[in-house]
Protein backbone atom coordinates (compact mmCIF):
# COMPACT_ATOMS: atom_id res chain seq x y z
CA UNK A 1 123.40 -27.92 -127.71
CA UNK A 2 126.66 -26.06 -128.16
CA UNK A 3 128.37 -25.65 -131.50
CA UNK A 4 131.19 -27.91 -130.28
CA UNK A 5 128.69 -30.63 -129.35
CA UNK A 6 127.05 -30.35 -132.77
CA UNK A 7 130.42 -30.76 -134.44
CA UNK A 8 131.32 -33.68 -132.15
CA UNK A 9 128.08 -35.41 -133.11
CA UNK A 10 129.29 -35.31 -136.72
CA UNK A 11 133.00 -35.97 -136.15
CA UNK A 12 134.50 -39.01 -137.88
CA UNK A 13 137.21 -39.47 -135.24
CA UNK A 14 136.75 -43.03 -133.97
CA UNK A 15 136.26 -42.09 -130.27
CA UNK A 16 133.29 -39.93 -131.27
CA UNK A 17 131.88 -42.73 -133.42
CA UNK A 18 132.09 -45.02 -130.38
CA UNK A 19 130.60 -42.34 -128.12
CA UNK A 20 127.60 -41.90 -130.41
CA UNK A 21 126.93 -45.67 -130.32
CA UNK A 22 126.97 -45.46 -126.56
CA UNK A 23 124.66 -42.44 -126.45
CA UNK A 24 122.20 -44.35 -128.64
CA UNK A 25 122.44 -47.36 -126.32
CA UNK A 26 121.33 -45.30 -123.29
CA UNK A 27 118.76 -43.46 -125.46
CA UNK A 28 120.28 -40.13 -124.48
CA UNK A 29 119.24 -40.60 -120.84
CA UNK A 30 121.11 -41.18 -117.60
CA UNK A 31 120.93 -44.90 -116.72
CA UNK A 32 119.14 -45.90 -113.53
CA UNK A 33 122.47 -46.40 -111.76
CA UNK A 34 123.20 -42.70 -112.29
CA UNK A 35 126.08 -42.85 -114.77
CA UNK A 36 127.41 -44.51 -117.91
CA UNK A 37 129.88 -47.21 -116.89
CA UNK A 38 133.08 -47.86 -118.84
CA UNK A 39 135.11 -50.90 -117.83
CA UNK A 40 138.54 -52.34 -118.47
CA UNK A 41 139.62 -55.74 -117.18
CA UNK A 42 143.00 -56.80 -115.84
CA UNK A 43 144.43 -60.21 -114.98
CA UNK A 44 146.72 -59.63 -111.97
CA UNK A 45 148.84 -62.76 -112.36
CA UNK A 46 151.36 -60.54 -114.16
CA UNK A 47 152.48 -56.93 -114.12
CA UNK A 48 150.83 -54.11 -116.11
CA UNK A 49 152.10 -53.92 -119.68
CA UNK A 50 151.77 -51.93 -122.87
CA UNK A 51 148.42 -53.57 -123.68
CA UNK A 52 147.07 -52.46 -120.28
CA UNK A 53 148.06 -48.88 -121.09
CA UNK A 54 146.51 -49.08 -124.54
CA UNK A 55 143.17 -50.37 -123.30
CA UNK A 56 142.81 -47.78 -120.54
CA UNK A 57 144.05 -44.94 -122.80
CA UNK A 58 141.66 -45.81 -125.62
CA UNK A 59 138.72 -46.32 -123.26
CA UNK A 60 139.47 -42.94 -121.69
CA UNK A 61 139.44 -41.37 -125.16
CA UNK A 62 135.94 -42.74 -125.78
CA UNK A 63 134.84 -41.60 -122.32
CA UNK A 64 136.01 -38.03 -122.96
CA UNK A 65 134.34 -38.04 -126.36
CA UNK A 66 131.09 -39.20 -124.72
CA UNK A 67 131.34 -36.41 -122.14
CA UNK A 68 131.65 -33.92 -125.01
CA UNK A 69 128.40 -35.01 -126.68
CA UNK A 70 126.46 -35.61 -123.46
CA UNK A 71 125.96 -34.29 -119.93
CA UNK A 72 125.39 -37.82 -118.57
CA UNK A 73 127.84 -38.62 -115.73
CA UNK A 74 130.47 -41.31 -116.46
CA UNK A 75 132.67 -43.67 -114.49
CA UNK A 76 135.64 -45.82 -115.54
CA UNK A 77 136.05 -49.04 -113.57
CA UNK A 78 139.40 -50.82 -113.80
CA UNK A 79 138.46 -54.32 -112.70
CA UNK A 80 141.03 -56.81 -111.44
CA UNK A 81 140.21 -60.53 -111.81
CA UNK A 82 142.15 -61.22 -108.62
CA UNK A 83 139.96 -64.08 -107.43
CA UNK A 84 141.27 -66.27 -110.25
CA UNK A 85 143.22 -69.30 -109.07
CA UNK A 86 146.99 -69.23 -109.60
CA UNK A 87 147.41 -71.89 -112.30
CA UNK A 88 151.17 -71.62 -112.88
CA UNK A 89 154.10 -69.92 -111.20
CA UNK A 90 155.35 -66.86 -113.13
CA UNK A 91 158.97 -67.04 -114.25
CA UNK A 92 159.80 -63.42 -113.40
CA UNK A 93 159.22 -63.41 -109.62
CA UNK A 94 161.41 -64.31 -106.61
CA UNK A 95 160.60 -67.13 -104.16
CA UNK A 96 159.06 -69.30 -106.85
CA UNK A 97 159.26 -72.42 -104.65
CA UNK A 98 156.96 -70.83 -102.04
CA UNK A 99 154.60 -69.69 -104.76
CA UNK A 100 154.38 -73.25 -106.09
CA UNK A 101 152.88 -74.26 -102.74
CA UNK A 102 150.04 -71.78 -103.33
CA UNK A 103 148.94 -73.04 -106.75
CA UNK A 104 145.14 -72.97 -107.28
CA UNK A 105 144.54 -70.49 -104.46
CA UNK A 106 142.83 -67.21 -105.40
CA UNK A 107 145.50 -64.66 -106.27
CA UNK A 108 144.46 -62.63 -103.22
CA UNK A 109 145.28 -65.65 -101.02
CA UNK A 110 148.62 -66.42 -102.68
CA UNK A 111 151.56 -65.14 -100.62
CA UNK A 112 153.40 -62.15 -102.07
CA UNK A 113 156.77 -63.37 -103.42
CA UNK A 114 158.09 -59.81 -103.10
CA UNK A 115 157.14 -59.61 -99.42
CA UNK A 116 155.61 -56.14 -99.67
CA UNK A 117 151.85 -56.85 -99.61
CA UNK A 118 149.32 -59.20 -98.03
CA UNK A 119 149.10 -61.28 -101.20
CA UNK A 120 150.39 -61.66 -104.73
CA UNK A 121 147.09 -60.25 -106.01
CA UNK A 122 147.36 -57.23 -103.71
CA UNK A 123 150.96 -56.66 -104.86
CA UNK A 124 150.00 -56.67 -108.53
CA UNK A 125 146.88 -54.61 -107.91
CA UNK A 126 149.06 -51.98 -106.22
CA UNK A 127 151.39 -52.06 -109.22
CA UNK A 128 148.40 -51.60 -111.53
CA UNK A 129 147.10 -48.59 -109.61
CA UNK A 130 150.56 -47.01 -109.42
CA UNK A 131 150.95 -47.62 -113.15
CA UNK A 132 147.60 -45.98 -114.00
CA UNK A 133 148.19 -43.12 -111.56
CA UNK A 134 151.57 -42.35 -113.14
CA UNK A 135 149.78 -41.50 -116.40
CA UNK A 136 147.07 -39.45 -114.72
CA UNK A 137 144.18 -41.73 -115.67
CA UNK A 138 140.91 -41.03 -113.87
CA UNK A 139 139.41 -44.35 -112.77
CA UNK A 140 137.94 -46.38 -109.92
CA UNK A 141 139.70 -49.60 -108.99
CA UNK A 142 137.65 -52.74 -108.32
CA UNK A 143 138.77 -56.10 -106.90
CA UNK A 144 136.94 -59.25 -107.96
CA UNK A 145 137.67 -60.84 -104.58
CA UNK A 146 136.21 -57.89 -102.69
CA UNK A 147 133.12 -57.77 -104.89
CA UNK A 148 132.46 -61.52 -104.55
CA UNK A 149 133.10 -61.70 -100.82
CA UNK A 150 131.13 -58.53 -100.01
CA UNK A 151 128.09 -59.93 -101.78
CA UNK A 152 128.01 -57.35 -104.57
CA UNK A 153 127.49 -60.11 -107.12
CA UNK A 154 125.11 -62.23 -105.03
CA UNK A 155 121.90 -61.25 -106.79
CA UNK A 156 123.34 -61.96 -110.23
CA UNK A 157 125.01 -65.19 -109.05
CA UNK A 158 121.59 -66.46 -107.90
CA UNK A 159 120.20 -65.42 -111.29
CA UNK A 160 123.02 -67.36 -112.98
CA UNK A 161 122.13 -70.39 -110.87
CA UNK A 162 118.53 -70.10 -111.99
CA UNK A 163 119.60 -69.75 -115.64
CA UNK A 164 122.23 -72.51 -115.36
CA UNK A 165 120.83 -74.51 -118.29
CA UNK A 166 120.79 -71.47 -120.59
CA UNK A 167 124.41 -70.71 -119.74
CA UNK A 168 125.39 -74.33 -120.39
CA UNK A 169 123.56 -74.26 -123.75
CA UNK A 170 125.64 -71.24 -124.72
CA UNK A 171 128.98 -72.55 -123.47
CA UNK A 172 129.00 -76.29 -124.23
CA UNK A 173 129.02 -75.99 -128.06
CA UNK A 174 132.19 -73.89 -127.77
CA UNK A 175 134.07 -76.61 -125.85
CA UNK A 176 135.78 -79.84 -126.79
CA UNK A 177 134.22 -83.19 -125.80
CA UNK A 178 136.57 -83.74 -122.85
CA UNK A 179 135.92 -80.27 -121.40
CA UNK A 180 132.17 -80.59 -121.97
CA UNK A 181 132.10 -83.62 -119.68
CA UNK A 182 133.40 -81.69 -116.67
CA UNK A 183 132.45 -78.07 -117.41
CA UNK A 184 130.51 -75.95 -114.96
CA UNK A 185 130.10 -72.16 -115.00
CA UNK A 186 130.64 -72.25 -111.21
CA UNK A 187 134.08 -72.81 -109.68
CA UNK A 188 133.69 -73.60 -105.98
CA UNK A 189 136.27 -72.30 -103.53
CA UNK A 190 137.09 -75.32 -101.40
CA UNK A 191 136.33 -74.80 -97.69
CA UNK A 192 139.05 -77.41 -97.01
CA UNK A 193 141.98 -76.09 -99.04
CA UNK A 194 140.88 -72.66 -100.24
CA UNK A 195 141.60 -73.78 -103.82
CA UNK A 196 139.51 -72.56 -106.75
CA UNK A 197 138.32 -75.94 -108.07
CA UNK A 198 137.53 -76.74 -111.69
CA UNK A 199 135.02 -79.51 -111.04
CA UNK A 200 131.58 -80.45 -112.35
CA UNK A 201 128.42 -79.25 -110.64
CA UNK A 202 126.65 -82.43 -109.46
CA UNK A 203 123.49 -80.87 -108.04
CA UNK A 204 121.82 -77.47 -107.98
CA UNK A 205 119.28 -76.10 -105.53
CA UNK A 206 117.91 -72.84 -106.85
CA UNK A 207 115.68 -72.25 -103.83
CA UNK A 208 118.58 -72.66 -101.39
CA UNK A 209 121.04 -70.95 -103.74
CA UNK A 210 123.55 -73.80 -103.53
CA UNK A 211 125.48 -76.25 -105.67
CA UNK A 212 126.94 -79.65 -104.82
CA UNK A 213 130.34 -80.74 -106.08
CA UNK A 214 132.95 -83.37 -105.25
CA UNK A 215 136.23 -82.52 -103.52
CA UNK A 216 139.44 -84.12 -104.87
CA UNK A 217 139.31 -86.51 -101.88
CA UNK A 218 135.85 -87.75 -102.95
CA UNK A 219 133.70 -85.92 -100.40
CA UNK A 220 130.53 -84.32 -101.75
CA UNK A 221 130.19 -80.73 -100.54
CA UNK A 222 127.28 -78.30 -100.77
CA UNK A 223 128.13 -74.59 -100.89
CA UNK A 224 126.14 -71.41 -101.56
CA UNK A 225 126.96 -69.64 -104.80
CA UNK A 226 126.91 -66.33 -102.88
CA UNK A 227 129.32 -64.66 -100.49
CA UNK A 228 132.52 -65.56 -102.29
CA UNK A 229 132.03 -69.32 -101.94
CA UNK A 230 132.25 -69.76 -105.72
CA UNK A 231 133.78 -67.88 -108.60
CA UNK A 232 132.43 -68.12 -112.13
CA UNK A 233 134.40 -69.42 -115.10
CA UNK A 234 135.80 -66.42 -116.88
CA UNK A 235 133.41 -66.03 -119.84
CA UNK A 236 130.30 -66.41 -117.64
CA UNK A 237 132.12 -64.29 -115.03
CA UNK A 238 132.64 -61.49 -117.56
CA UNK A 239 128.97 -61.63 -118.52
CA UNK A 240 127.81 -61.79 -114.89
CA UNK A 241 129.91 -58.71 -114.10
CA UNK A 242 128.45 -56.81 -117.05
CA UNK A 243 124.96 -57.71 -115.87
CA UNK A 244 125.54 -57.07 -112.16
CA UNK A 245 127.25 -53.70 -112.58
CA UNK A 246 125.41 -52.47 -115.65
CA UNK A 247 128.57 -52.08 -117.73
CA UNK A 248 127.82 -49.93 -120.78
CA UNK A 249 131.11 -50.07 -122.67
CA UNK A 250 134.18 -52.29 -122.81
CA UNK A 251 136.81 -52.89 -125.47
CA UNK A 252 139.00 -55.95 -125.95
CA UNK A 253 141.52 -57.47 -128.32
CA UNK A 254 140.85 -59.46 -131.45
CA UNK A 255 141.88 -62.65 -129.65
CA UNK A 256 138.77 -62.33 -127.44
CA UNK A 257 136.16 -62.07 -130.22
CA UNK A 258 134.68 -65.46 -129.37
CA UNK A 259 134.70 -64.66 -125.66
CA UNK A 260 132.83 -61.40 -126.27
CA UNK A 261 130.26 -63.25 -128.38
CA UNK A 262 129.55 -65.84 -125.67
CA UNK A 263 129.63 -63.29 -122.85
CA UNK A 264 127.06 -61.11 -124.63
CA UNK A 265 124.74 -64.11 -125.03
CA UNK A 266 125.12 -65.00 -121.34
CA UNK A 267 124.55 -61.39 -120.28
CA UNK A 268 121.26 -61.37 -122.19
CA UNK A 269 120.37 -64.76 -120.67
CA UNK A 270 120.77 -63.09 -117.28
CA UNK A 271 118.16 -60.56 -118.34
CA UNK A 272 120.44 -57.59 -118.97
CA UNK A 273 121.54 -55.83 -122.17
CA UNK A 274 125.10 -56.52 -123.25
CA UNK A 275 127.45 -53.51 -123.33
CA UNK A 276 128.68 -51.74 -126.40
CA UNK A 277 132.04 -53.24 -127.33
CA UNK A 278 134.97 -52.44 -129.59
CA UNK A 279 137.40 -55.07 -130.83
CA UNK A 280 140.88 -53.71 -131.41
CA UNK A 281 143.64 -55.33 -133.42
CA UNK A 282 146.65 -56.82 -131.71
CA UNK A 283 150.21 -55.61 -132.19
CA UNK A 284 152.84 -57.38 -134.27
CA UNK A 285 156.60 -57.42 -133.81
CA UNK A 286 159.15 -56.32 -136.41
CA UNK A 287 158.68 -59.61 -138.28
CA UNK A 288 154.90 -59.21 -138.43
CA UNK A 289 154.32 -61.89 -135.76
CA UNK A 290 151.76 -61.38 -133.00
CA UNK A 291 153.32 -59.99 -129.83
CA UNK A 292 153.25 -62.47 -126.98
CA UNK A 293 154.06 -61.79 -123.32
CA UNK A 294 155.42 -65.31 -122.97
CA UNK A 295 157.68 -64.95 -126.04
CA UNK A 296 158.83 -61.50 -124.99
CA UNK A 297 158.86 -60.29 -128.60
CA UNK A 298 157.89 -56.76 -129.57
CA UNK A 299 158.21 -53.72 -127.39
CA UNK A 300 157.50 -53.37 -123.68
CA UNK A 301 156.03 -50.38 -121.88
CA UNK A 302 159.30 -49.70 -120.08
CA UNK A 303 161.22 -49.84 -123.35
CA UNK A 304 158.98 -47.30 -125.08
CA UNK A 305 159.24 -44.92 -122.12
CA UNK A 306 163.03 -45.27 -122.16
CA UNK A 307 163.13 -43.65 -125.59
CA UNK A 308 160.04 -41.44 -125.80
CA UNK A 309 157.25 -39.74 -123.88
CA UNK A 310 153.99 -41.41 -122.84
CA UNK A 311 152.10 -38.94 -125.05
CA UNK A 312 153.82 -40.37 -128.13
CA UNK A 313 152.65 -43.81 -127.03
CA UNK A 314 149.11 -42.44 -126.60
CA UNK A 315 149.26 -41.24 -130.20
CA UNK A 316 150.33 -44.71 -131.34
CA UNK A 317 147.34 -46.16 -129.45
CA UNK A 318 144.96 -43.57 -130.93
CA UNK A 319 145.86 -44.29 -134.53
CA UNK A 320 143.67 -46.91 -136.27
CA UNK A 321 142.82 -49.19 -133.34
CA UNK A 322 141.14 -51.67 -135.68
CA UNK A 323 144.27 -52.06 -137.84
CA UNK A 324 147.16 -54.38 -136.97
CA UNK A 325 150.35 -52.39 -136.42
CA UNK A 326 154.00 -53.21 -135.89
CA UNK A 327 155.03 -52.31 -132.37
CA UNK A 328 158.79 -52.17 -132.44
CA UNK A 329 161.57 -49.71 -131.72
CA UNK A 330 161.65 -48.18 -135.18
CA UNK A 331 158.09 -46.77 -134.83
CA UNK A 332 159.12 -44.53 -131.93
CA UNK A 333 160.81 -41.58 -133.74
CA UNK A 334 157.90 -41.25 -136.16
CA UNK A 335 155.37 -41.32 -133.30
CA UNK A 336 157.25 -38.60 -131.40
CA UNK A 337 157.45 -36.24 -134.37
CA UNK A 338 153.86 -36.88 -135.44
CA UNK A 339 152.65 -36.13 -131.91
CA UNK A 340 154.36 -32.74 -131.97
CA UNK A 341 153.10 -32.03 -135.48
CA UNK A 342 149.56 -32.48 -134.15
CA UNK A 343 150.30 -30.20 -131.19
CA UNK A 344 151.67 -27.47 -133.48
CA UNK A 345 148.69 -27.73 -135.82
CA UNK A 346 146.08 -27.46 -133.07
CA UNK A 347 146.11 -23.68 -132.33
CA UNK A 348 145.43 -22.75 -135.97
CA UNK A 349 142.66 -25.31 -136.53
CA UNK A 350 138.94 -24.65 -136.34
CA UNK A 351 136.81 -26.65 -133.92
CA UNK A 352 135.86 -29.26 -136.51
CA UNK A 353 139.50 -30.00 -137.35
CA UNK A 354 140.50 -29.96 -133.70
CA UNK A 355 138.00 -32.73 -132.90
CA UNK A 356 139.77 -35.02 -135.37
CA UNK A 357 143.24 -34.02 -134.17
CA UNK A 358 144.71 -36.84 -132.05
CA UNK A 359 146.07 -34.21 -129.64
CA UNK A 360 142.48 -33.36 -128.67
CA UNK A 361 141.83 -36.98 -127.69
CA UNK A 362 145.19 -37.50 -125.96
CA UNK A 363 144.68 -34.41 -123.80
CA UNK A 364 140.86 -34.38 -123.41
CA UNK A 365 140.48 -31.26 -125.53
CA UNK A 366 143.22 -29.25 -123.81
CA UNK A 367 146.54 -30.07 -125.50
CA UNK A 368 149.66 -28.17 -124.40
CA UNK A 369 151.87 -26.17 -126.74
CA UNK A 370 154.74 -28.05 -128.32
CA UNK A 371 158.19 -26.85 -127.27
CA UNK A 372 159.99 -29.13 -129.77
CA UNK A 373 161.77 -26.47 -131.82
CA UNK A 374 163.92 -29.31 -133.18
CA UNK A 375 162.22 -32.49 -134.53
CA UNK A 376 163.08 -35.77 -132.81
CA UNK A 377 164.44 -37.22 -136.08
CA UNK A 378 166.80 -34.24 -136.28
CA UNK A 379 167.91 -34.77 -132.68
CA UNK A 380 168.76 -38.37 -133.58
CA UNK A 381 170.90 -37.23 -136.48
CA UNK A 382 172.53 -34.60 -134.30
CA UNK A 383 173.35 -37.27 -131.70
CA UNK A 384 174.74 -39.39 -134.51
CA UNK A 385 176.90 -36.71 -136.10
CA UNK A 386 178.22 -35.43 -132.75
CA UNK A 387 178.52 -38.86 -131.10
CA UNK A 388 176.75 -37.26 -128.13
CA UNK A 389 177.09 -39.09 -124.83
CA UNK A 390 174.47 -37.06 -122.94
CA UNK A 391 171.84 -34.40 -123.51
CA UNK A 392 174.12 -31.61 -122.21
CA UNK A 393 176.27 -32.09 -125.31
CA UNK A 394 173.11 -31.85 -127.42
CA UNK A 395 172.16 -28.52 -125.86
CA UNK A 396 175.39 -26.99 -127.04
CA UNK A 397 174.15 -27.44 -130.62
CA UNK A 398 170.48 -26.74 -129.87
CA UNK A 399 171.35 -23.32 -128.41
CA UNK A 400 173.12 -22.28 -131.62
CA UNK A 401 169.91 -23.06 -133.50
CA UNK A 402 167.46 -21.79 -130.87
CA UNK A 403 169.36 -19.43 -128.54
CA UNK A 404 166.28 -18.61 -126.46
CA UNK A 405 165.61 -22.28 -125.61
CA UNK A 406 166.79 -23.91 -122.42
CA UNK A 407 165.99 -27.06 -120.41
CA UNK A 408 163.91 -24.89 -118.08
CA UNK A 409 161.86 -23.14 -120.78
CA UNK A 410 161.61 -26.21 -123.06
CA UNK A 411 161.27 -29.25 -120.78
CA UNK A 412 159.76 -31.37 -123.54
CA UNK A 413 162.71 -30.66 -125.83
CA UNK A 414 165.09 -31.33 -122.94
CA UNK A 415 163.51 -34.73 -122.29
CA UNK A 416 163.54 -35.49 -126.02
CA UNK A 417 167.26 -34.72 -126.21
CA UNK A 418 167.87 -37.32 -123.51
CA UNK A 419 165.60 -39.82 -125.27
CA UNK A 420 167.42 -39.19 -128.56
CA UNK A 421 170.85 -39.90 -127.06
CA UNK A 422 169.63 -43.19 -125.59
CA UNK A 423 167.87 -44.18 -128.80
CA UNK A 424 170.94 -43.31 -130.90
CA UNK A 425 173.32 -45.38 -128.77
CA UNK A 426 170.99 -48.40 -128.55
CA UNK A 427 169.60 -48.56 -132.09
CA UNK A 428 171.14 -46.12 -134.55
CA UNK A 429 174.83 -46.43 -133.73
CA UNK A 430 174.98 -50.27 -134.01
CA UNK A 431 173.33 -50.12 -137.45
CA UNK A 432 175.41 -47.29 -138.95
CA UNK A 433 177.21 -48.20 -142.18
CA UNK A 434 179.32 -45.51 -143.83
CA UNK A 435 180.44 -45.89 -147.42
CA UNK A 436 183.03 -44.20 -149.59
CA UNK A 437 181.73 -41.53 -152.00
CA UNK A 438 181.88 -41.93 -155.79
CA UNK A 439 183.83 -39.46 -157.89
CA UNK A 440 180.65 -37.50 -158.65
CA UNK A 441 179.70 -37.48 -154.97
CA UNK A 442 183.19 -36.44 -153.89
CA UNK A 443 183.13 -33.46 -156.27
CA UNK A 444 179.68 -32.44 -155.04
CA UNK A 445 180.62 -32.76 -151.35
CA UNK A 446 183.78 -30.67 -151.91
CA UNK A 447 181.62 -28.04 -153.64
CA UNK A 448 179.15 -28.11 -150.73
CA UNK A 449 182.00 -27.73 -148.25
CA UNK A 450 183.41 -24.75 -150.13
CA UNK A 451 180.00 -23.02 -150.25
CA UNK A 452 179.53 -23.59 -146.53
CA UNK A 453 182.93 -21.99 -145.91
CA UNK A 454 181.84 -18.93 -147.91
CA UNK A 455 178.37 -18.72 -146.34
CA UNK A 456 177.74 -15.27 -144.88
CA UNK A 457 173.95 -15.39 -144.48
CA UNK A 458 172.00 -16.40 -141.41
CA UNK A 459 171.75 -20.07 -140.45
CA UNK A 460 168.35 -20.32 -142.05
CA UNK A 461 167.23 -23.92 -142.64
CA UNK A 462 165.34 -23.17 -145.85
CA UNK A 463 168.08 -21.07 -147.43
CA UNK A 464 170.68 -23.70 -146.60
CA UNK A 465 168.39 -26.41 -148.00
CA UNK A 466 168.08 -24.45 -151.27
CA UNK A 467 171.86 -24.25 -151.47
CA UNK A 468 172.21 -28.01 -150.93
CA UNK A 469 169.63 -28.54 -153.68
CA UNK A 470 171.58 -26.28 -156.03
CA UNK A 471 174.77 -28.26 -155.48
CA UNK A 472 173.01 -31.51 -156.34
CA UNK A 473 171.48 -30.07 -159.51
CA UNK A 474 174.74 -28.53 -160.72
CA UNK A 475 176.54 -31.85 -160.27
CA UNK A 476 174.00 -33.71 -162.37
CA UNK A 477 172.27 -35.93 -159.82
CA UNK A 478 169.17 -37.47 -161.41
CA UNK A 479 166.92 -38.03 -159.61
CA UNK A 480 167.92 -35.43 -157.06
CA UNK A 481 167.09 -37.72 -154.15
CA UNK A 482 170.24 -39.70 -155.05
CA UNK A 483 172.25 -36.68 -153.95
CA UNK A 484 170.61 -36.61 -150.54
CA UNK A 485 170.92 -40.36 -150.21
CA UNK A 486 174.65 -39.98 -150.87
CA UNK A 487 174.91 -37.30 -148.15
CA UNK A 488 173.20 -39.57 -145.64
CA UNK A 489 175.18 -42.70 -146.52
CA UNK A 490 178.57 -41.00 -146.64
CA UNK A 491 178.16 -38.56 -143.72
CA UNK A 492 175.56 -40.14 -141.41
CA UNK A 493 175.88 -43.86 -142.12
CA UNK A 494 172.20 -44.28 -143.06
CA UNK A 495 170.21 -44.39 -146.29
CA UNK A 496 167.77 -41.69 -145.18
CA UNK A 497 167.92 -38.69 -142.91
CA UNK A 498 166.75 -35.16 -142.13
CA UNK A 499 166.29 -32.15 -144.34
CA UNK A 500 169.97 -31.39 -144.62
CA UNK A 501 169.59 -27.62 -144.56
CA UNK A 502 167.94 -27.88 -141.15
CA UNK A 503 170.68 -30.24 -140.01
CA UNK A 504 173.39 -27.75 -141.03
CA UNK A 505 171.57 -24.95 -139.18
CA UNK A 506 171.41 -27.10 -136.06
CA UNK A 507 174.84 -28.72 -136.22
CA UNK A 508 176.71 -25.60 -137.34
CA UNK A 509 178.76 -24.59 -140.40
CA UNK A 510 182.26 -25.50 -139.10
CA UNK A 511 180.97 -28.77 -137.66
CA UNK A 512 179.29 -29.74 -140.96
CA UNK A 513 182.44 -28.87 -142.91
CA UNK A 514 184.47 -31.07 -140.53
CA UNK A 515 181.92 -33.86 -140.98
CA UNK A 516 182.35 -33.64 -144.79
CA UNK A 517 186.15 -33.81 -144.36
CA UNK A 518 185.82 -36.97 -142.28
CA UNK A 519 183.42 -38.49 -144.80
CA UNK A 520 185.83 -37.81 -147.63
CA UNK A 521 189.06 -38.91 -145.93
CA UNK A 522 187.56 -42.21 -144.73
CA UNK A 523 187.80 -41.53 -140.98
CA UNK A 524 184.04 -41.96 -140.50
CA UNK A 525 184.28 -45.44 -142.00
CA UNK A 526 187.31 -46.21 -139.81
CA UNK A 527 185.55 -45.05 -136.63
CA UNK A 528 182.46 -47.13 -137.43
């Protein structure tokens, strides 16, 4: 075993902890199917969202960690529950009237309201695959409809029929009295209407592999449970899929804890070991309320990617998956800068430290070099001070600070400059509140301006920061952070901001002096 593998076996990074659980599950040997199977599930009645990204990204992190501690082949299956019946018409699609006519059909039999695919399920599956491909995930796509209709679940469906009573014993105590009276783990697909029916099972014939149910018109119908003639209720379906495919690992949100518990029991009732699972916490909005797709609170995938890179989102997903976190716009700048801090730290770390560095897990052990010579928080303040309308304006300042940088040589910085301008205009600018300086602050700012005018040294961030410190001390600010708070509130319209020496180096001496003039004469407050 290599030194890296030895270190990985001891690493406390959560993907390695999960990987070691999985290695223990398979007893260090390749399963009979020839690989360790990771799975993520997807309900294709809606479009991929930030939770979809998080689940696939985190599962991929565990997969790569497992591949580091083991030579056992792996596979990631992204499974679409596209045989589910359409229970309600989504509000965000065209041609809703036509879709209403297809209620209760499997999603793969519902017409595509966008008119681009054979069905609504196929449309959303294509969106899912395009979504995953855009982030470079390595996966195999699976369609529930295809698996059911091709007979890939037949053996386990017959086993479920044989173990019907055990499944009912597991499920019925979890249901209310009204649901108990009509519940069946099997949902027949009506040969008359094609609808996925939620009706009781009236008879079972294990030898024939059939069930009998009653159609809405009163006719009793016998159908085989194989060949796509039935679909299982979702908790038994989840368990049946685990058992049929030999799923070894799947993670899910805290809201599915009960579902995981029941599915594991059913999987064992079907004679197969349940997979290793991880329960992750759900995201909250800025008010601490759980994010809901129907409410539309919190932050969407598209919104994050409007203001920051996907790698920064991967970092957010990596950090403390078992801890509830606020997912709102104000977490983005911190995530961007932390991501690049991890990239910059990586080259100088030993192997043990690298294995705990989030950059290792985001990039499967091969993180790129950071080209962010200016932190994202500083770019935001630069956009604010210069009222930048586009990233070209930002580069005029960046080149004074880093003359060798360009959009071609620093594409990450170039993208970040564009993100910063958008973020500034949408979130920072509307919240800016400039105030007038006190007498003490006015005297200190005039002193700072005079020293900047007399500055003959290089635009070194640390030397300029020391000079700003000295001004604050000489003018009696106690604690000294009140001096910096005054700078931010008077000159930048915020109560906190960047290291001001670095800001001066980036923005420029004449520009900073002009900014002080505008802060002192009240024009910043007038413009705001």
